[in-house]
Amino acid sequence: MANELARRLAVDVSADNVTWLRLLGTTDVNDQDNVTKQDSTDYDNDGFGSQEVTLHGWMLAVKFNRKSNAGVFDPVQELIRQARFKFGDQARIYVRWYDRNGRADGKSGRALVEWNRSKTGVADIEEISVNFEGDGKLVDIANPGSSTLPVVISALPSGAAAGAQVTVVGQYFTGATSVKFAAVSATVFTVVSDTTIVATVPAGSAGSAPVTVVTPAGTSNALPYTRG
């Protein structure tokens, strides 16, 4: 029998439970079930005790190395960090984890974020420890697999007109062949890194112009964007 590798677990996060992004740089992934039990012993058990589970409190504890490119932090890690010191919906994020090898044991839920630096020494690589503390039900999901389809998170500044530059941030941009504003492709764009593209807004009418990125792996989600 072969031993299973601890690193087989993958973690994704999402702001809207629709567009998911892979959390890169993970060094430790630990899902926990904090069970509440109540004694249910009665006379019918012939003197033996019994219990019932009455509540589950789930948590996903993750450690990852903080990553940056030319001084710009990884946008997926930043999406998590932005929930720090917040209240209400802004303190919550969706998280899912699953087996990289395709086993059907994935879980998904909404969670409160607790972000801490776990390594701070002179000789250390900056490591972040995040606890995703379950806020509500944890659900079983089909294994989404290890996709490298591009994902767009943001396009700034908003309201840019034709000829202006827009910085598109996301994931899996390496090898991009096209950046589109609605159906019109930008004639000039630069893939700065796997997470950043700078594109010049092509000619077209003002108004709605969702941004998509195309790579050999396929086409990204359409990020709502309004042209100036």
Protein backbone atom coordinates (compact mmCIF):
# COMPACT_ATOMS: atom_id res chain seq x y z
CA MET A 1 0.00 0.00 0.00
CA ALA A 2 1.29 3.47 -0.91
CA ASN A 3 1.41 6.34 1.56
CA GLU A 4 -0.71 9.40 0.83
CA LEU A 5 1.09 12.75 0.54
CA ALA A 6 -0.04 15.56 2.83
CA ARG A 7 0.32 18.07 0.01
CA ARG A 8 -2.51 16.52 -1.99
CA LEU A 9 -5.02 19.11 -0.70
CA ALA A 10 -5.73 22.25 -2.75
CA VAL A 11 -7.46 25.40 -1.46
CA ASP A 12 -9.51 27.92 -3.46
CA VAL A 13 -11.13 31.17 -2.31
CA SER A 14 -13.91 33.32 -3.72
CA ALA A 15 -15.51 36.66 -2.95
CA ASP A 16 -18.86 35.71 -4.49
CA ASN A 17 -19.05 31.88 -4.43
CA VAL A 18 -18.94 31.94 -8.25
CA THR A 19 -15.44 32.97 -9.36
CA TRP A 20 -12.85 30.79 -7.65
CA LEU A 21 -9.10 31.36 -7.38
CA ARG A 22 -6.36 28.94 -6.33
CA LEU A 23 -4.45 29.88 -3.19
CA LEU A 24 -0.80 29.39 -4.13
CA GLY A 25 2.18 28.91 -1.83
CA THR A 26 0.37 26.73 0.73
CA THR A 27 2.62 24.81 3.13
CA ASP A 28 0.02 23.34 5.49
CA VAL A 29 -3.72 22.59 5.14
CA ASN A 30 -5.69 21.23 8.08
CA ASP A 31 -9.48 20.89 8.18
CA GLN A 32 -11.02 20.58 11.63
CA ASP A 33 -14.41 19.61 13.01
CA ASN A 34 -15.15 21.02 16.47
CA VAL A 35 -17.96 18.72 17.56
CA THR A 36 -20.49 19.51 20.29
CA LYS A 37 -21.96 16.40 21.92
CA GLN A 38 -24.73 15.88 24.41
CA ASP A 39 -25.17 12.98 26.78
CA SER A 40 -28.11 10.80 25.72
CA THR A 41 -27.72 8.03 28.27
CA ASP A 42 -30.95 6.40 29.44
CA TYR A 43 -32.06 3.30 31.34
CA ASP A 44 -32.41 1.31 28.12
CA ASN A 45 -28.62 1.20 27.55
CA ASP A 46 -28.06 -1.36 30.32
CA GLY A 47 -25.71 0.91 32.22
CA PHE A 48 -23.66 2.06 29.25
CA GLY A 49 -23.29 5.72 28.34
CA SER A 50 -24.33 7.15 24.97
CA GLN A 51 -23.96 10.51 23.22
CA GLU A 52 -25.39 12.42 20.28
CA VAL A 53 -23.67 14.97 18.07
CA THR A 54 -25.73 18.17 18.27
CA LEU A 55 -23.46 20.71 16.56
CA HIS A 56 -20.55 20.89 14.14
CA GLY A 57 -18.15 23.85 14.11
CA TRP A 58 -15.80 23.58 11.15
CA MET A 59 -12.52 25.37 10.52
CA LEU A 60 -9.81 25.24 7.86
CA ALA A 61 -6.33 26.17 9.09
CA VAL A 62 -3.95 27.10 6.27
CA LYS A 63 -0.35 28.28 6.21
CA PHE A 64 1.22 29.79 3.09
CA ASN A 65 4.31 31.71 2.06
CA ARG A 66 3.58 35.36 1.25
CA LYS A 67 4.33 35.93 -2.42
CA SER A 68 4.95 39.07 -4.46
CA ASN A 69 6.12 40.01 -7.93
CA ALA A 70 8.16 43.19 -8.32
CA GLY A 71 6.84 44.30 -4.93
CA VAL A 72 3.20 43.60 -5.79
CA PHE A 73 1.59 41.01 -3.52
CA ASP A 74 -0.21 37.98 -4.89
CA PRO A 75 -3.82 39.11 -5.58
CA VAL A 76 -5.41 35.92 -4.27
CA GLN A 77 -3.56 36.18 -0.97
CA GLU A 78 -4.55 39.85 -0.86
CA LEU A 79 -8.20 38.92 -1.34
CA ILE A 80 -7.97 36.99 1.92
CA ARG A 81 -6.01 39.70 3.72
CA GLN A 82 -8.64 42.31 2.86
CA ALA A 83 -11.07 40.54 5.22
CA ARG A 84 -8.75 41.28 8.15
CA PHE A 85 -9.99 43.80 10.77
CA LYS A 86 -13.38 44.01 9.04
CA PHE A 87 -16.97 43.52 10.18
CA GLY A 88 -20.08 41.93 8.68
CA ASP A 89 -19.88 40.60 5.13
CA GLN A 90 -16.48 42.21 4.60
CA ALA A 91 -15.00 39.92 7.26
CA ARG A 92 -16.14 36.81 5.39
CA ILE A 93 -14.95 34.90 2.36
CA TYR A 94 -15.89 31.67 0.61
CA VAL A 95 -13.39 28.83 0.79
CA ARG A 96 -13.26 25.32 -0.64
CA TRP A 97 -10.73 22.53 -0.43
CA TYR A 98 -10.40 19.26 -2.31
CA ASP A 99 -8.04 16.48 -3.38
CA ARG A 100 -5.61 17.40 -6.18
CA ASN A 101 -5.77 13.78 -7.34
CA GLY A 102 -9.48 13.99 -8.11
CA ARG A 103 -11.08 12.17 -5.19
CA ALA A 104 -14.68 13.21 -4.52
CA ASP A 105 -14.27 14.52 -0.97
CA GLY A 106 -14.31 18.30 -1.51
CA LYS A 107 -15.87 20.74 0.95
CA SER A 108 -17.04 24.33 0.61
CA GLY A 109 -18.43 27.00 2.92
CA ARG A 110 -18.39 30.63 3.98
CA ALA A 111 -15.99 31.61 6.72
CA LEU A 112 -14.70 34.39 8.91
CA VAL A 113 -11.01 35.16 8.33
CA GLU A 114 -8.32 35.25 10.98
CA TRP A 115 -4.96 36.32 9.45
CA ASN A 116 -1.65 36.24 11.34
CA ARG A 117 2.03 36.25 10.46
CA SER A 118 3.45 32.99 11.78
CA LYS A 119 7.11 33.58 10.89
CA THR A 120 8.69 36.97 11.55
CA GLY A 121 12.41 36.28 12.08
CA VAL A 122 15.32 37.81 10.19
CA ALA A 123 16.17 34.50 8.52
CA ASP A 124 12.54 33.53 7.79
CA ILE A 125 10.46 33.61 4.64
CA GLU A 126 7.29 35.48 5.54
CA GLU A 127 4.66 32.89 6.34
CA ILE A 128 0.98 33.63 6.93
CA SER A 129 -1.32 31.54 9.09
CA VAL A 130 -5.01 31.87 8.24
CA ASN A 131 -7.93 30.29 10.05
CA PHE A 132 -11.10 30.10 7.99
CA GLU A 133 -13.69 29.78 10.77
CA GLY A 134 -16.93 28.31 9.46
CA ASP A 135 -19.94 30.63 9.29
CA GLY A 136 -22.83 28.32 8.62
CA LYS A 137 -23.15 25.05 6.76
CA LEU A 138 -20.26 23.14 5.23
CA VAL A 139 -21.33 21.42 2.00
CA ASP A 140 -19.94 18.59 -0.08
CA ILE A 141 -18.85 19.57 -3.59
CA ALA A 142 -17.80 17.78 -6.74
CA ASN A 143 -14.04 17.89 -7.20
CA PRO A 144 -13.40 20.94 -9.45
CA GLY A 145 -10.03 19.60 -10.61
CA SER A 146 -6.82 21.52 -11.13
CA SER A 147 -7.77 24.05 -13.79
CA THR A 148 -5.40 26.68 -15.19
CA LEU A 149 -8.22 28.61 -16.86
CA PRO A 150 -7.52 32.36 -16.47
CA VAL A 151 -9.53 34.26 -13.86
CA VAL A 152 -10.04 38.05 -13.79
CA ILE A 153 -10.43 39.74 -10.39
CA SER A 154 -10.22 43.45 -11.19
CA ALA A 155 -9.60 45.99 -13.95
CA LEU A 156 -8.45 49.47 -12.90
CA PRO A 157 -8.97 52.32 -13.30
CA SER A 158 -12.67 52.01 -13.98
CA GLY A 159 -14.26 54.14 -16.67
CA ALA A 160 -11.16 54.29 -18.89
CA ALA A 161 -11.75 55.51 -22.45
CA ALA A 162 -10.21 54.29 -25.71
CA GLY A 163 -6.44 54.65 -25.71
CA ALA A 164 -6.10 54.60 -21.91
CA GLN A 165 -4.26 51.86 -20.07
CA VAL A 166 -6.03 49.46 -17.73
CA THR A 167 -4.34 47.09 -15.30
CA VAL A 168 -6.07 43.72 -15.27
CA VAL A 169 -5.40 41.58 -12.19
CA GLY A 170 -6.19 37.90 -11.78
CA GLN A 171 -4.59 34.50 -12.16
CA TYR A 172 -3.09 32.23 -14.85
CA PHE A 173 -2.37 34.99 -17.35
CA THR A 174 0.92 33.55 -18.65
CA GLY A 175 0.70 32.97 -22.40
CA ALA A 176 -2.34 35.23 -22.84
CA THR A 177 -3.27 35.64 -26.50
CA SER A 178 -6.02 38.23 -26.15
CA VAL A 179 -7.56 40.76 -23.78
CA LYS A 180 -11.09 41.76 -24.71
CA PHE A 181 -13.33 44.66 -23.73
CA ALA A 182 -16.75 43.26 -24.61
CA ALA A 183 -16.19 41.71 -28.07
CA VAL A 184 -13.29 43.99 -29.06
CA SER A 185 -9.72 42.82 -28.52
CA ALA A 186 -7.08 45.20 -27.20
CA THR A 187 -4.48 45.66 -29.94
CA VAL A 188 -1.83 46.47 -27.33
CA PHE A 189 -1.35 44.57 -24.08
CA THR A 190 1.57 43.38 -21.96
CA VAL A 191 1.60 40.30 -19.75
CA VAL A 192 3.53 41.66 -16.77
CA SER A 193 3.23 38.44 -14.76
CA ASP A 194 0.98 35.45 -14.27
CA THR A 195 -1.34 37.72 -12.27
CA THR A 196 -1.11 41.09 -14.07
CA ILE A 197 -1.75 42.41 -17.58
CA VAL A 198 -1.60 46.04 -18.73
CA ALA A 199 -3.93 46.59 -21.69
CA THR A 200 -4.81 49.62 -23.82
CA VAL A 201 -8.56 50.09 -24.15
CA PRO A 202 -9.53 49.55 -27.82
CA ALA A 203 -11.84 51.81 -29.81
CA GLY A 204 -15.55 51.45 -29.11
CA SER A 205 -18.63 53.04 -27.60
CA ALA A 206 -18.82 54.08 -23.96
CA GLY A 207 -20.77 51.81 -21.65
CA SER A 208 -20.68 48.20 -20.61
CA ALA A 209 -17.54 46.36 -21.81
CA PRO A 210 -16.87 43.21 -19.72
CA VAL A 211 -13.18 42.30 -19.59
CA THR A 212 -12.02 38.79 -20.50
CA VAL A 213 -8.58 37.25 -20.92
CA VAL A 214 -7.87 34.43 -23.37
CA THR A 215 -5.00 31.95 -22.98
CA PRO A 216 -4.30 28.55 -24.56
CA ALA A 217 -6.22 27.05 -21.61
CA GLY A 218 -9.40 28.94 -22.53
CA THR A 219 -11.35 32.13 -21.81
CA SER A 220 -11.70 33.68 -18.36
CA ASN A 221 -14.81 34.85 -16.58
CA ALA A 222 -16.25 38.13 -17.88
CA LEU A 223 -15.52 40.87 -15.32
CA PRO A 224 -18.11 43.70 -15.47
CA TYR A 225 -16.44 46.90 -16.69
CA THR A 226 -17.76 50.27 -17.88
CA ARG A 227 -15.84 52.16 -20.55
CA GLY A 228 -15.54 55.91 -20.41
